[in-house]
Each structure stands twice: as C-alpha cells, then as structure tokens.
C-alpha cells in the first residue's frame, strides 16, 4: 500500500560565499507574507503549500 500522506520533497544546493546573507535576505523577502525565522546558519519559511528549510553548510 502506498502512503498518500507524504508531502512532496525537493532539494537544491547552491554555492555562495555569503550563505548567511542569502538566508537573511530570502527570509526578509518572504517575511512580509509568511511566518519566517532565521539565524546565521539556517532559515525557515512557512509557505501555504509546505515548509521551506534553508541551511548553510560546507560544500562537499
């Protein structure tokens, strides 16, 4: 039987020299319409169709 309650999942990796600045900028942009939170290493945007999690990390 297939689980129909699972949400679609999408992932992307973007190389940047200033991840904290990009996370803050995206959260500030979306914060006018949706609940957001962020710090220097992560961000959270609560969109109506799902949750967007942003994370700064080291490139592999």
Protein backbone atom coordinates (compact mmCIF):
# COMPACT_ATOMS: atom_id res chain seq x y z
CA UNK A 1 0.00 0.00 0.00
CA UNK A 2 1.28 3.49 -0.86
CA UNK A 3 1.44 6.20 1.81
CA UNK A 4 -0.64 9.10 0.41
CA UNK A 5 0.03 11.38 3.40
CA UNK A 6 3.66 12.06 2.48
CA UNK A 7 4.47 15.56 1.25
CA UNK A 8 6.48 16.09 -1.93
CA UNK A 9 10.14 16.81 -1.23
CA UNK A 10 12.54 18.92 -3.22
CA UNK A 11 16.17 19.75 -2.51
CA UNK A 12 18.71 22.11 -4.06
CA UNK A 13 22.33 23.01 -3.33
CA UNK A 14 23.60 26.48 -4.21
CA UNK A 15 27.24 27.50 -3.79
CA UNK A 16 27.70 31.02 -2.42
CA UNK A 17 30.39 32.86 -0.48
CA UNK A 18 27.83 34.53 1.86
CA UNK A 19 25.20 31.95 2.84
CA UNK A 20 24.07 33.81 5.99
CA UNK A 21 23.34 36.94 3.95
CA UNK A 22 21.35 34.98 1.36
CA UNK A 23 19.31 33.19 4.05
CA UNK A 24 18.55 36.51 5.80
CA UNK A 25 17.58 38.16 2.51
CA UNK A 26 15.23 35.35 1.48
CA UNK A 27 13.60 35.26 4.91
CA UNK A 28 13.18 39.03 4.95
CA UNK A 29 11.62 38.92 1.47
CA UNK A 30 9.09 36.20 2.34
CA UNK A 31 8.51 37.50 5.87
CA UNK A 32 6.09 40.12 4.57
CA UNK A 33 3.58 37.37 3.70
CA UNK A 34 4.51 34.24 5.68
CA UNK A 35 5.90 33.30 9.10
CA UNK A 36 9.71 33.09 8.95
CA UNK A 37 12.64 32.65 11.32
CA UNK A 38 16.38 32.63 10.70
CA UNK A 39 19.85 32.93 12.14
CA UNK A 40 23.35 32.80 10.62
CA UNK A 41 23.15 29.10 9.70
CA UNK A 42 19.51 28.33 8.93
CA UNK A 43 16.16 29.72 7.90
CA UNK A 44 12.56 28.57 7.97
CA UNK A 45 9.75 29.87 5.74
CA UNK A 46 6.22 28.56 6.35
CA UNK A 47 4.59 28.69 2.93
CA UNK A 48 0.91 27.69 2.47
CA UNK A 49 1.89 24.67 0.36
CA UNK A 50 4.78 23.48 2.54
CA UNK A 51 7.76 24.27 4.67
CA UNK A 52 10.96 25.72 3.18
CA UNK A 53 14.10 24.99 5.21
CA UNK A 54 17.35 26.80 4.36
CA UNK A 55 20.70 25.64 5.73
CA UNK A 56 24.23 26.99 5.35
CA UNK A 57 26.88 24.31 5.30
CA UNK A 58 30.21 23.38 3.86
CA UNK A 59 30.43 22.25 0.25
CA UNK A 60 31.26 18.58 -0.31
